[in-house]
Amino acid sequence: MKKIMIKAQVVCLMALFPLLAAQAQGPARVGQPLTSQCAACHGVQGLSTLPNAPHLAGQPWQYLEEQLQLYRSGKRRHEIMNLLAKPLTDQQIQDIATWYSSIQIQIVVPPGS
């Protein structure tokens, strides 16, 4: 049941994935090593295991990049995210955003939907 709920939450993202993947900047794998600290809250593959942390896998790179920039600048407030984003360079933010946006998510719609 939990898997179905998680997969259903990203239905809209999957519809947009081909467009987003085509726009992703740079090679996706470059950002993967930068995400080790992200895994504690957002999961190893970007699928959160915590109820108050969003899934990052499959999100549009533009959204991820903008949110990390906002955390880094302090315009978006979150105690942990502000600390983690502060030392990131623009290139590292782009690489992280590209990595998470490149992860494909399979959607399984519940029967009868």
PDB file of N, CA and C in Angstrom:
ATOM      1  N   MET A   1       0.820  -1.195   0.000  1.00  0.00           N
ATOM      2  CA  MET A   1       0.000   0.000   0.000  1.00  0.00           C
ATOM      3  C   MET A   1       0.859   1.251   0.000  1.00  0.00           C
ATOM      4  N   LYS A   2       1.946   1.234   0.830  1.00  0.00           N
ATOM      5  CA  LYS A   2       2.827   2.392   0.918  1.00  0.00           C
ATOM      6  C   LYS A   2       3.481   2.669  -0.435  1.00  0.00           C
ATOM      7  N   LYS A   3       3.911   1.610  -1.140  1.00  0.00           N
ATOM      8  CA  LYS A   3       4.540   1.776  -2.446  1.00  0.00           C
ATOM      9  C   LYS A   3       3.575   2.414  -3.438  1.00  0.00           C
ATOM     10  N   ILE A   4       2.332   1.988  -3.394  1.00  0.00           N
ATOM     11  CA  ILE A   4       1.324   2.538  -4.309  1.00  0.00           C
ATOM     12  C   ILE A   4       1.112   4.011  -4.017  1.00  0.00           C
ATOM     13  N   MET A   5       1.054   4.374  -2.738  1.00  0.00           N
ATOM     14  CA  MET A   5       0.854   5.776  -2.371  1.00  0.00           C
ATOM     15  C   MET A   5       2.022   6.634  -2.833  1.00  0.00           C
ATOM     16  N   ILE A   6       3.240   6.145  -2.629  1.00  0.00           N
ATOM     17  CA  ILE A   6       4.424   6.898  -3.057  1.00  0.00           C
ATOM     18  C   ILE A   6       4.416   7.062  -4.568  1.00  0.00           C
ATOM     19  N   LYS A   7       4.128   6.001  -5.261  1.00  0.00           N
ATOM     20  CA  LYS A   7       4.125   6.061  -6.714  1.00  0.00           C
ATOM     21  C   LYS A   7       3.014   6.963  -7.240  1.00  0.00           C
ATOM     22  N   ALA A   8       1.878   6.951  -6.580  1.00  0.00           N
ATOM     23  CA  ALA A   8       0.768   7.791  -7.018  1.00  0.00           C
ATOM     24  C   ALA A   8       1.081   9.275  -6.828  1.00  0.00           C
ATOM     25  N   GLN A   9       1.893   9.614  -5.843  1.00  0.00           N
ATOM     26  CA  GLN A   9       2.233  11.009  -5.569  1.00  0.00           C
ATOM     27  C   GLN A   9       3.070  11.639  -6.670  1.00  0.00           C
ATOM     28  N   VAL A  10       3.717  10.832  -7.471  1.00  0.00           N
ATOM     29  CA  VAL A  10       4.593  11.383  -8.494  1.00  0.00           C
ATOM     30  C   VAL A  10       4.054  11.195  -9.915  1.00  0.00           C
ATOM     31  N   VAL A  11       2.767  10.913 -10.043  1.00  0.00           N
ATOM     32  CA  VAL A  11       2.154  10.716 -11.357  1.00  0.00           C
ATOM     33  C   VAL A  11       2.381  11.930 -12.250  1.00  0.00           C
ATOM     34  N   CYS A  12       2.147  13.098 -11.735  1.00  0.00           N
ATOM     35  CA  CYS A  12       2.309  14.319 -12.531  1.00  0.00           C
ATOM     36  C   CYS A  12       3.757  14.512 -12.973  1.00  0.00           C
ATOM     37  N   LEU A  13       4.693  14.183 -12.094  1.00  0.00           N
ATOM     38  CA  LEU A  13       6.104  14.337 -12.445  1.00  0.00           C
ATOM     39  C   LEU A  13       6.498  13.415 -13.596  1.00  0.00           C
ATOM     40  N   MET A  14       5.967  12.201 -13.588  1.00  0.00           N
ATOM     41  CA  MET A  14       6.313  11.254 -14.646  1.00  0.00           C
ATOM     42  C   MET A  14       5.807  11.720 -16.001  1.00  0.00           C
ATOM     43  N   ALA A  15       4.676  12.388 -16.025  1.00  0.00           N
ATOM     44  CA  ALA A  15       4.145  12.889 -17.284  1.00  0.00           C
ATOM     45  C   ALA A  15       5.082  13.937 -17.880  1.00  0.00           C
ATOM     46  N   LEU A  16       5.783  14.652 -17.024  1.00  0.00           N
ATOM     47  CA  LEU A  16       6.688  15.705 -17.485  1.00  0.00           C
ATOM     48  C   LEU A  16       8.131  15.235 -17.626  1.00  0.00           C
ATOM     49  N   PHE A  17       8.458  14.040 -17.146  1.00  0.00           N
ATOM     50  CA  PHE A  17       9.855  13.603 -17.097  1.00  0.00           C
ATOM     51  C   PHE A  17      10.603  13.696 -18.422  1.00  0.00           C
ATOM     52  N   PRO A  18      10.048  13.251 -19.551  1.00  0.00           N
ATOM     53  CA  PRO A  18      10.826  13.344 -20.787  1.00  0.00           C
ATOM     54  C   PRO A  18      11.252  14.772 -21.121  1.00  0.00           C
ATOM     55  N   LEU A  19      10.399  15.732 -20.879  1.00  0.00           N
ATOM     56  CA  LEU A  19      10.765  17.129 -21.135  1.00  0.00           C
ATOM     57  C   LEU A  19      11.836  17.607 -20.170  1.00  0.00           C
ATOM     58  N   LEU A  20      11.696  17.249 -18.914  1.00  0.00           N
ATOM     59  CA  LEU A  20      12.649  17.690 -17.905  1.00  0.00           C
ATOM     60  C   LEU A  20      14.013  17.051 -18.107  1.00  0.00           C
ATOM     61  N   ALA A  21      14.032  15.777 -18.433  1.00  0.00           N
ATOM     62  CA  ALA A  21      15.299  15.095 -18.645  1.00  0.00           C
ATOM     63  C   ALA A  21      16.050  15.696 -19.819  1.00  0.00           C
ATOM     64  N   ALA A  22      15.349  16.092 -20.836  1.00  0.00           N
ATOM     65  CA  ALA A  22      15.995  16.696 -21.999  1.00  0.00           C
ATOM     66  C   ALA A  22      16.611  18.045 -21.660  1.00  0.00           C
ATOM     67  N   GLN A  23      16.059  18.720 -20.650  1.00  0.00           N
ATOM     68  CA  GLN A  23      16.562  20.027 -20.282  1.00  0.00           C
ATOM     69  C   GLN A  23      17.624  19.964 -19.189  1.00  0.00           C
ATOM     70  N   ALA A  24      17.815  18.805 -18.575  1.00  0.00           N
ATOM     71  CA  ALA A  24      18.775  18.696 -17.481  1.00  0.00           C
ATOM     72  C   ALA A  24      20.159  19.123 -17.932  1.00  0.00           C
ATOM     73  N   GLN A  25      20.865  19.789 -17.051  1.00  0.00           N
ATOM     74  CA  GLN A  25      22.175  20.341 -17.391  1.00  0.00           C
ATOM     75  C   GLN A  25      23.282  19.372 -16.995  1.00  0.00           C
ATOM     76  N   GLY A  26      24.167  19.073 -17.919  1.00  0.00           N
ATOM     77  CA  GLY A  26      25.357  18.288 -17.617  1.00  0.00           C
ATOM     78  C   GLY A  26      25.078  16.821 -17.367  1.00  0.00           C
ATOM     79  N   PRO A  27      26.160  16.036 -17.211  1.00  0.00           N
ATOM     80  CA  PRO A  27      25.995  14.611 -16.951  1.00  0.00           C
ATOM     81  C   PRO A  27      25.434  14.375 -15.551  1.00  0.00           C
ATOM     82  N   ALA A  28      24.400  13.577 -15.471  1.00  0.00           N
ATOM     83  CA  ALA A  28      23.672  13.379 -14.217  1.00  0.00           C
ATOM     84  C   ALA A  28      24.537  12.771 -13.119  1.00  0.00           C
ATOM     85  N   ARG A  29      25.376  11.816 -13.438  1.00  0.00           N
ATOM     86  CA  ARG A  29      26.150  11.098 -12.424  1.00  0.00           C
ATOM     87  C   ARG A  29      27.088  12.001 -11.627  1.00  0.00           C
ATOM     88  N   VAL A  30      27.467  13.140 -12.161  1.00  0.00           N
ATOM     89  CA  VAL A  30      28.388  14.046 -11.473  1.00  0.00           C
ATOM     90  C   VAL A  30      27.812  14.464 -10.121  1.00  0.00           C
ATOM     91  N   GLY A  31      26.508  14.631 -10.044  1.00  0.00           N
ATOM     92  CA  GLY A  31      25.880  15.077  -8.810  1.00  0.00           C
ATOM     93  C   GLY A  31      25.660  14.000  -7.771  1.00  0.00           C
ATOM     94  N   GLN A  32      25.699  12.741  -8.165  1.00  0.00           N
ATOM     95  CA  GLN A  32      25.388  11.657  -7.233  1.00  0.00           C
ATOM     96  C   GLN A  32      26.283  11.659  -5.990  1.00  0.00           C
ATOM     97  N   PRO A  33      27.596  11.786  -6.096  1.00  0.00           N
ATOM     98  CA  PRO A  33      28.426  11.770  -4.889  1.00  0.00           C
ATOM     99  C   PRO A  33      28.135  12.942  -3.937  1.00  0.00           C
ATOM    100  N   LEU A  34      27.580  14.013  -4.460  1.00  0.00           N
ATOM    101  CA  LEU A  34      27.275  15.178  -3.635  1.00  0.00           C
ATOM    102  C   LEU A  34      26.040  14.976  -2.763  1.00  0.00           C
ATOM    103  N   THR A  35      25.299  13.901  -2.984  1.00  0.00           N
ATOM    104  CA  THR A  35      24.017  13.703  -2.300  1.00  0.00           C
ATOM    105  C   THR A  35      24.105  12.802  -1.069  1.00  0.00           C
ATOM    106  N   SER A  36      25.293  12.462  -0.628  1.00  0.00           N
ATOM    107  CA  SER A  36      25.413  11.547   0.513  1.00  0.00           C
ATOM    108  C   SER A  36      24.732  12.098   1.765  1.00  0.00           C
ATOM    109  N   GLN A  37      24.833  13.404   2.013  1.00  0.00           N
ATOM    110  CA  GLN A  37      24.179  13.990   3.179  1.00  0.00           C
ATOM    111  C   GLN A  37      22.665  14.074   2.988  1.00  0.00           C
ATOM    112  N   CYS A  38      22.221  14.154   1.756  1.00  0.00           N
ATOM    113  CA  CYS A  38      20.788  14.248   1.457  1.00  0.00           C
ATOM    114  C   CYS A  38      20.053  12.959   1.838  1.00  0.00           C
ATOM    115  N   ALA A  39      20.764  11.829   1.712  1.00  0.00           N
ATOM    116  CA  ALA A  39      20.153  10.515   1.883  1.00  0.00           C
ATOM    117  C   ALA A  39      19.544  10.307   3.265  1.00  0.00           C
ATOM    118  N   ALA A  40      20.078  10.946   4.281  1.00  0.00           N
ATOM    119  CA  ALA A  40      19.568  10.750   5.641  1.00  0.00           C
ATOM    120  C   ALA A  40      18.084  11.097   5.738  1.00  0.00           C
ATOM    121  N   CYS A  41      17.660  12.122   5.033  1.00  0.00           N
ATOM    122  CA  CYS A  41      16.254  12.551   5.094  1.00  0.00           C
ATOM    123  C   CYS A  41      15.481  12.234   3.818  1.00  0.00           C
ATOM    124  N   HIS A  42      16.164  12.340   2.673  1.00  0.00           N
ATOM    125  CA  HIS A  42      15.481  12.209   1.387  1.00  0.00           C
ATOM    126  C   HIS A  42      15.658  10.837   0.750  1.00  0.00           C
ATOM    127  N   GLY A  43      16.310   9.909   1.442  1.00  0.00           N
ATOM    128  CA  GLY A  43      16.498   8.557   0.939  1.00  0.00           C
ATOM    129  C   GLY A  43      17.677   8.448  -0.016  1.00  0.00           C
ATOM    130  N   VAL A  44      18.267   7.274  -0.090  1.00  0.00           N
ATOM    131  CA  VAL A  44      19.458   7.040  -0.917  1.00  0.00           C
ATOM    132  C   VAL A  44      19.193   7.349  -2.384  1.00  0.00           C
ATOM    133  N   GLN A  45      18.032   6.998  -2.887  1.00  0.00           N
ATOM    134  CA  GLN A  45      17.697   7.246  -4.290  1.00  0.00           C
ATOM    135  C   GLN A  45      16.735   8.418  -4.452  1.00  0.00           C
ATOM    136  N   GLY A  46      16.623   9.263  -3.417  1.00  0.00           N
ATOM    137  CA  GLY A  46      15.770  10.440  -3.525  1.00  0.00           C
ATOM    138  C   GLY A  46      14.316  10.197  -3.176  1.00  0.00           C
ATOM    139  N   LEU A  47      13.997   9.014  -2.661  1.00  0.00           N
ATOM    140  CA  LEU A  47      12.639   8.719  -2.211  1.00  0.00           C
ATOM    141  C   LEU A  47      12.657   8.718  -0.680  1.00  0.00           C
ATOM    142  N   SER A  48      12.089   9.750  -0.119  1.00  0.00           N
ATOM    143  CA  SER A  48      12.138   9.985   1.314  1.00  0.00           C
ATOM    144  C   SER A  48      11.522   8.851   2.111  1.00  0.00           C
ATOM    145  N   THR A  49      12.134   8.605   3.263  1.00  0.00           N
ATOM    146  CA  THR A  49      11.580   7.636   4.197  1.00  0.00           C
ATOM    147  C   THR A  49      10.981   8.348   5.408  1.00  0.00           C
ATOM    148  N   LEU A  50      11.088   9.668   5.444  1.00  0.00           N
ATOM    149  CA  LEU A  50      10.555  10.463   6.544  1.00  0.00           C
ATOM    150  C   LEU A  50       9.275  11.176   6.111  1.00  0.00           C
ATOM    151  N   PRO A  51       8.292  11.255   6.989  1.00  0.00           N
ATOM    152  CA  PRO A  51       7.024  11.871   6.599  1.00  0.00           C
ATOM    153  C   PRO A  51       7.111  13.380   6.338  1.00  0.00           C
ATOM    154  N   ASN A  52       8.118  14.045   6.861  1.00  0.00           N
ATOM    155  CA  ASN A  52       8.220  15.496   6.681  1.00  0.00           C
ATOM    156  C   ASN A  52       9.321  15.919   5.715  1.00  0.00           C
ATOM    157  N   ALA A  53       9.856  14.981   4.962  1.00  0.00           N
ATOM    158  CA  ALA A  53      10.884  15.295   3.965  1.00  0.00           C
ATOM    159  C   ALA A  53      10.354  14.899   2.585  1.00  0.00           C
ATOM    160  N   PRO A  54      10.443  15.795   1.618  1.00  0.00           N
ATOM    161  CA  PRO A  54       9.900  15.492   0.287  1.00  0.00           C
ATOM    162  C   PRO A  54      10.777  14.527  -0.511  1.00  0.00           C
ATOM    163  N   HIS A  55      10.158  13.865  -1.447  1.00  0.00           N
ATOM    164  CA  HIS A  55      10.897  13.061  -2.417  1.00  0.00           C
ATOM    165  C   HIS A  55      11.623  14.023  -3.359  1.00  0.00           C
ATOM    166  N   LEU A  56      12.841  13.706  -3.710  1.00  0.00           N
ATOM    167  CA  LEU A  56      13.604  14.536  -4.644  1.00  0.00           C
ATOM    168  C   LEU A  56      13.727  13.871  -6.013  1.00  0.00           C
ATOM    169  N   ALA A  57      13.669  12.553  -6.053  1.00  0.00           N
ATOM    170  CA  ALA A  57      13.811  11.821  -7.307  1.00  0.00           C
ATOM    171  C   ALA A  57      12.714  12.228  -8.283  1.00  0.00           C
ATOM    172  N   GLY A  58      13.120  12.518  -9.509  1.00  0.00           N
ATOM    173  CA  GLY A  58      12.165  12.842 -10.557  1.00  0.00           C
ATOM    174  C   GLY A  58      11.636  14.264 -10.537  1.00  0.00           C
ATOM    175  N   GLN A  59      12.036  15.052  -9.562  1.00  0.00           N
ATOM    176  CA  GLN A  59      11.591  16.448  -9.523  1.00  0.00           C
ATOM    177  C   GLN A  59      12.264  17.221 -10.667  1.00  0.00           C
ATOM    178  N   PRO A  60      11.645  18.265 -11.166  1.00  0.00           N
ATOM    179  CA  PRO A  60      12.268  19.080 -12.220  1.00  0.00           C
ATOM    180  C   PRO A  60      13.567  19.725 -11.711  1.00  0.00           C
ATOM    181  N   TRP A  61      14.607  19.691 -12.526  1.00  0.00           N
ATOM    182  CA  TRP A  61      15.892  20.252 -12.076  1.00  0.00           C
ATOM    183  C   TRP A  61      15.777  21.735 -11.778  1.00  0.00           C
ATOM    184  N   GLN A  62      14.912  22.436 -12.516  1.00  0.00           N
ATOM    185  CA  GLN A  62      14.753  23.870 -12.271  1.00  0.00           C
ATOM    186  C   GLN A  62      14.236  24.113 -10.856  1.00  0.00           C
ATOM    187  N   TYR A  63      13.272  23.324 -10.436  1.00  0.00           N
ATOM    188  CA  TYR A  63      12.697  23.447  -9.092  1.00  0.00           C
ATOM    189  C   TYR A  63      13.748  23.138  -8.034  1.00  0.00           C
ATOM    190  N   LEU A  64      14.454  22.018  -8.199  1.00  0.00           N
ATOM    191  CA  LEU A  64      15.467  21.620  -7.223  1.00  0.00           C
ATOM    192  C   LEU A  64      16.572  22.666  -7.114  1.00  0.00           C
ATOM    193  N   GLU A  65      17.011  23.155  -8.247  1.00  0.00           N
ATOM    194  CA  GLU A  65      18.070  24.168  -8.253  1.00  0.00           C
ATOM    195  C   GLU A  65      17.605  25.437  -7.537  1.00  0.00           C
ATOM    196  N   GLU A  66      16.410  25.886  -7.849  1.00  0.00           N
ATOM    197  CA  GLU A  66      15.887  27.107  -7.225  1.00  0.00           C
ATOM    198  C   GLU A  66      15.746  26.948  -5.711  1.00  0.00           C
ATOM    199  N   GLN A  67      15.239  25.801  -5.262  1.00  0.00           N
ATOM    200  CA  GLN A  67      15.054  25.597  -3.828  1.00  0.00           C
ATOM    201  C   GLN A  67      16.389  25.552  -3.101  1.00  0.00           C
ATOM    202  N   LEU A  68      17.386  24.883  -3.679  1.00  0.00           N
ATOM    203  CA  LEU A  68      18.707  24.855  -3.050  1.00  0.00           C
ATOM    204  C   LEU A  68      19.328  26.245  -2.986  1.00  0.00           C
ATOM    205  N   GLN A  69      19.133  27.038  -4.023  1.00  0.00           N
ATOM    206  CA  GLN A  69      19.638  28.411  -4.007  1.00  0.00           C
ATOM    207  C   GLN A  69      18.944  29.233  -2.921  1.00  0.00           C
ATOM    208  N   LEU A  70      17.638  29.036  -2.768  1.00  0.00           N
ATOM    209  CA  LEU A  70      16.894  29.751  -1.731  1.00  0.00           C
ATOM    210  C   LEU A  70      17.344  29.327  -0.332  1.00  0.00           C
ATOM    211  N   TYR A  71      17.594  28.037  -0.126  1.00  0.00           N
ATOM    212  CA  TYR A  71      18.119  27.572   1.166  1.00  0.00           C
ATOM    213  C   TYR A  71      19.503  28.156   1.415  1.00  0.00           C
ATOM    214  N   ARG A  72      20.343  28.152   0.386  1.00  0.00           N
ATOM    215  CA  ARG A  72      21.709  28.669   0.534  1.00  0.00           C
ATOM    216  C   ARG A  72      21.708  30.145   0.924  1.00  0.00           C
ATOM    217  N   SER A  73      20.838  30.918   0.309  1.00  0.00           N
ATOM    218  CA  SER A  73      20.781  32.359   0.582  1.00  0.00           C
ATOM    219  C   SER A  73      20.071  32.675   1.896  1.00  0.00           C
ATOM    220  N   GLY A  74      19.300  31.731   2.425  1.00  0.00           N
ATOM    221  CA  GLY A  74      18.539  31.973   3.640  1.00  0.00           C
ATOM    222  C   GLY A  74      17.152  32.521   3.374  1.00  0.00           C
ATOM    223  N   LYS A  75      16.800  32.733   2.100  1.00  0.00           N
ATOM    224  CA  LYS A  75      15.463  33.229   1.769  1.00  0.00           C
ATOM    225  C   LYS A  75      14.400  32.174   2.056  1.00  0.00           C
ATOM    226  N   ARG A  76      14.773  30.923   1.967  1.00  0.00           N
ATOM    227  CA  ARG A  76      13.891  29.837   2.392  1.00  0.00           C
ATOM    228  C   ARG A  76      14.512  29.267   3.653  1.00  0.00           C
ATOM    229  N   ARG A  77      13.728  29.192   4.725  1.00  0.00           N
ATOM    230  CA  ARG A  77      14.261  28.818   6.034  1.00  0.00           C
ATOM    231  C   ARG A  77      13.945  27.369   6.397  1.00  0.00           C
ATOM    232  N   HIS A  78      15.003  26.665   6.727  1.00  0.00           N
ATOM    233  CA  HIS A  78      14.911  25.324   7.315  1.00  0.00           C
ATOM    234  C   HIS A  78      16.261  25.096   7.974  1.00  0.00           C
ATOM    235  N   GLU A  79      16.240  24.857   9.266  1.00  0.00           N
ATOM    236  CA  GLU A  79      17.480  24.794  10.051  1.00  0.00           C
ATOM    237  C   GLU A  79      18.549  23.897   9.425  1.00  0.00           C
ATOM    238  N   ILE A  80      18.176  22.706   9.042  1.00  0.00           N
ATOM    239  CA  ILE A  80      19.155  21.759   8.492  1.00  0.00           C
ATOM    240  C   ILE A  80      19.512  22.103   7.051  1.00  0.00           C
ATOM    241  N   MET A  81      18.506  22.377   6.228  1.00  0.00           N
ATOM    242  CA  MET A  81      18.765  22.662   4.813  1.00  0.00           C
ATOM    243  C   MET A  81      19.612  23.922   4.628  1.00  0.00           C
ATOM    244  N   ASN A  82      19.399  24.942   5.448  1.00  0.00           N
ATOM    245  CA  ASN A  82      20.218  26.148   5.337  1.00  0.00           C
ATOM    246  C   ASN A  82      21.684  25.834   5.601  1.00  0.00           C
ATOM    247  N   LEU A  83      21.961  24.997   6.603  1.00  0.00           N
ATOM    248  CA  LEU A  83      23.342  24.626   6.916  1.00  0.00           C
ATOM    249  C   LEU A  83      23.969  23.791   5.794  1.00  0.00           C
ATOM    250  N   LEU A  84      23.201  22.851   5.257  1.00  0.00           N
ATOM    251  CA  LEU A  84      23.741  21.970   4.220  1.00  0.00           C
ATOM    252  C   LEU A  84      23.941  22.689   2.889  1.00  0.00           C
ATOM    253  N   ALA A  85      23.063  23.630   2.567  1.00  0.00           N
ATOM    254  CA  ALA A  85      23.133  24.311   1.270  1.00  0.00           C
ATOM    255  C   ALA A  85      24.147  25.460   1.259  1.00  0.00           C
ATOM    256  N   LYS A  86      24.429  26.043   2.412  1.00  0.00           N
ATOM    257  CA  LYS A  86      25.283  27.231   2.475  1.00  0.00           C
ATOM    258  C   LYS A  86      26.637  27.066   1.776  1.00  0.00           C
ATOM    259  N   PRO A  87      27.358  25.954   1.969  1.00  0.00           N
ATOM    260  CA  PRO A  87      28.676  25.844   1.326  1.00  0.00           C
ATOM    261  C   PRO A  87      28.643  25.408  -0.144  1.00  0.00           C
ATOM    262  N   LEU A  88      27.473  25.089  -0.679  1.00  0.00           N
ATOM    263  CA  LEU A  88      27.397  24.591  -2.057  1.00  0.00           C
ATOM    264  C   LEU A  88      27.671  25.700  -3.067  1.00  0.00           C
ATOM    265  N   THR A  89      28.426  25.357  -4.096  1.00  0.00           N
ATOM    266  CA  THR A  89      28.659  26.283  -5.204  1.00  0.00           C
ATOM    267  C   THR A  89      27.488  26.195  -6.177  1.00  0.00           C
ATOM    268  N   ASP A  90      27.408  27.157  -7.088  1.00  0.00           N
ATOM    269  CA  ASP A  90      26.362  27.099  -8.119  1.00  0.00           C
ATOM    270  C   ASP A  90      26.467  25.804  -8.909  1.00  0.00           C
ATOM    271  N   GLN A  91      27.696  25.398  -9.238  1.00  0.00           N
ATOM    272  CA  GLN A  91      27.891  24.179 -10.018  1.00  0.00           C
ATOM    273  C   GLN A  91      27.441  22.946  -9.246  1.00  0.00           C
ATOM    274  N   GLN A  92      27.743  22.889  -7.960  1.00  0.00           N
ATOM    275  CA  GLN A  92      27.315  21.748  -7.151  1.00  0.00           C
ATOM    276  C   GLN A  92      25.788  21.688  -7.060  1.00  0.00           C
ATOM    277  N   ILE A  93      25.158  22.825  -6.924  1.00  0.00           N
ATOM    278  CA  ILE A  93      23.692  22.869  -6.894  1.00  0.00           C
ATOM    279  C   ILE A  93      23.129  22.365  -8.216  1.00  0.00           C
ATOM    280  N   GLN A  94      23.702  22.787  -9.326  1.00  0.00           N
ATOM    281  CA  GLN A  94      23.251  22.305 -10.636  1.00  0.00           C
ATOM    282  C   GLN A  94      23.445  20.797 -10.756  1.00  0.00           C
ATOM    283  N   ASP A  95      24.585  20.312 -10.288  1.00  0.00           N
ATOM    284  CA  ASP A  95      24.872  18.877 -10.384  1.00  0.00           C
ATOM    285  C   ASP A  95      23.913  18.048  -9.533  1.00  0.00           C
ATOM    286  N   ILE A  96      23.613  18.510  -8.329  1.00  0.00           N
ATOM    287  CA  ILE A  96      22.667  17.809  -7.456  1.00  0.00           C
ATOM    288  C   ILE A  96      21.281  17.800  -8.090  1.00  0.00           C
ATOM    289  N   ALA A  97      20.854  18.947  -8.582  1.00  0.00           N
ATOM    290  CA  ALA A  97      19.533  19.057  -9.212  1.00  0.00           C
ATOM    291  C   ALA A  97      19.442  18.158 -10.440  1.00  0.00           C
ATOM    292  N   THR A  98      20.498  18.117 -11.215  1.00  0.00           N
ATOM    293  CA  THR A  98      20.519  17.279 -12.413  1.00  0.00           C
ATOM    294  C   THR A  98      20.452  15.798 -12.038  1.00  0.00           C
ATOM    295  N   TRP A  99      21.186  15.406 -10.986  1.00  0.00           N
ATOM    296  CA  TRP A  99      21.167  14.011 -10.557  1.00  0.00           C
ATOM    297  C   TRP A  99      19.762  13.586 -10.145  1.00  0.00           C
ATOM    298  N   TYR A 100      19.154  14.324  -9.233  1.00  0.00           N
ATOM    299  CA  TYR A 100      17.830  13.925  -8.758  1.00  0.00           C
ATOM    300  C   TYR A 100      16.784  13.971  -9.870  1.00  0.00           C
ATOM    301  N   SER A 101      16.873  14.930 -10.756  1.00  0.00           N
ATOM    302  CA  SER A 101      15.884  15.010 -11.838  1.00  0.00           C
ATOM    303  C   SER A 101      16.060  13.886 -12.861  1.00  0.00           C
ATOM    304  N   SER A 102      17.238  13.297 -12.908  1.00  0.00           N
ATOM    305  CA  SER A 102      17.484  12.223 -13.882  1.00  0.00           C
ATOM    306  C   SER A 102      16.960  10.863 -13.416  1.00  0.00           C
ATOM    307  N   ILE A 103      16.617  10.741 -12.151  1.00  0.00           N
ATOM    308  CA  ILE A 103      16.119   9.464 -11.630  1.00  0.00           C
ATOM    309  C   ILE A 103      14.694   9.245 -12.133  1.00  0.00           C
ATOM    310  N   GLN A 104      14.491   8.132 -12.778  1.00  0.00           N
ATOM    311  CA  GLN A 104      13.168   7.806 -13.313  1.00  0.00           C
ATOM    312  C   GLN A 104      12.356   7.075 -12.256  1.00  0.00           C
ATOM    313  N   ILE A 105      11.104   7.448 -12.179  1.00  0.00           N
ATOM    314  CA  ILE A 105      10.201   6.839 -11.200  1.00  0.00           C
ATOM    315  C   ILE A 105       9.109   6.110 -11.954  1.00  0.00           C
ATOM    316  N   GLN A 106       8.855   4.877 -11.566  1.00  0.00           N
ATOM    317  CA  GLN A 106       7.801   4.096 -12.201  1.00  0.00           C
ATOM    318  C   GLN A 106       6.506   4.314 -11.435  1.00  0.00           C
ATOM    319  N   ILE A 107       5.455   4.586 -12.160  1.00  0.00           N
ATOM    320  CA  ILE A 107       4.151   4.840 -11.563  1.00  0.00           C
ATOM    321  C   ILE A 107       3.253   3.620 -11.756  1.00  0.00           C
ATOM    322  N   VAL A 108       2.622   3.198 -10.684  1.00  0.00           N
ATOM    323  CA  VAL A 108       1.648   2.124 -10.739  1.00  0.00           C
ATOM    324  C   VAL A 108       0.353   2.695 -10.167  1.00  0.00           C
ATOM    325  N   VAL A 109      -0.626   2.849 -11.013  1.00  0.00           N
ATOM    326  CA  VAL A 109      -1.908   3.386 -10.589  1.00  0.00           C
ATOM    327  C   VAL A 109      -2.729   2.247  -9.989  1.00  0.00           C
ATOM    328  N   PRO A 110      -3.350   2.479  -8.828  1.00  0.00           N
ATOM    329  CA  PRO A 110      -4.150   1.421  -8.217  1.00  0.00           C
ATOM    330  C   PRO A 110      -5.294   0.987  -9.135  1.00  0.00           C
ATOM    331  N   PRO A 111      -5.630  -0.293  -9.121  1.00  0.00           N
ATOM    332  CA  PRO A 111      -6.745  -0.773  -9.949  1.00  0.00           C
ATOM    333  C   PRO A 111      -8.027  -0.014  -9.610  1.00  0.00           C
ATOM    334  N   GLY A 112      -8.806   0.271 -10.621  1.00  0.00           N
ATOM    335  CA  GLY A 112     -10.074   0.949 -10.437  1.00  0.00           C
ATOM    336  C   GLY A 112      -9.958   2.462 -10.368  1.00  0.00           C
ATOM    337  N   SER A 113      -8.759   2.985 -10.614  1.00  0.00           N
ATOM    338  CA  SER A 113      -8.583   4.450 -10.572  1.00  0.00           C
ATOM    339  C   SER A 113      -8.846   5.076 -11.920  1.00  0.00           C
TER     340      SER A 113
END
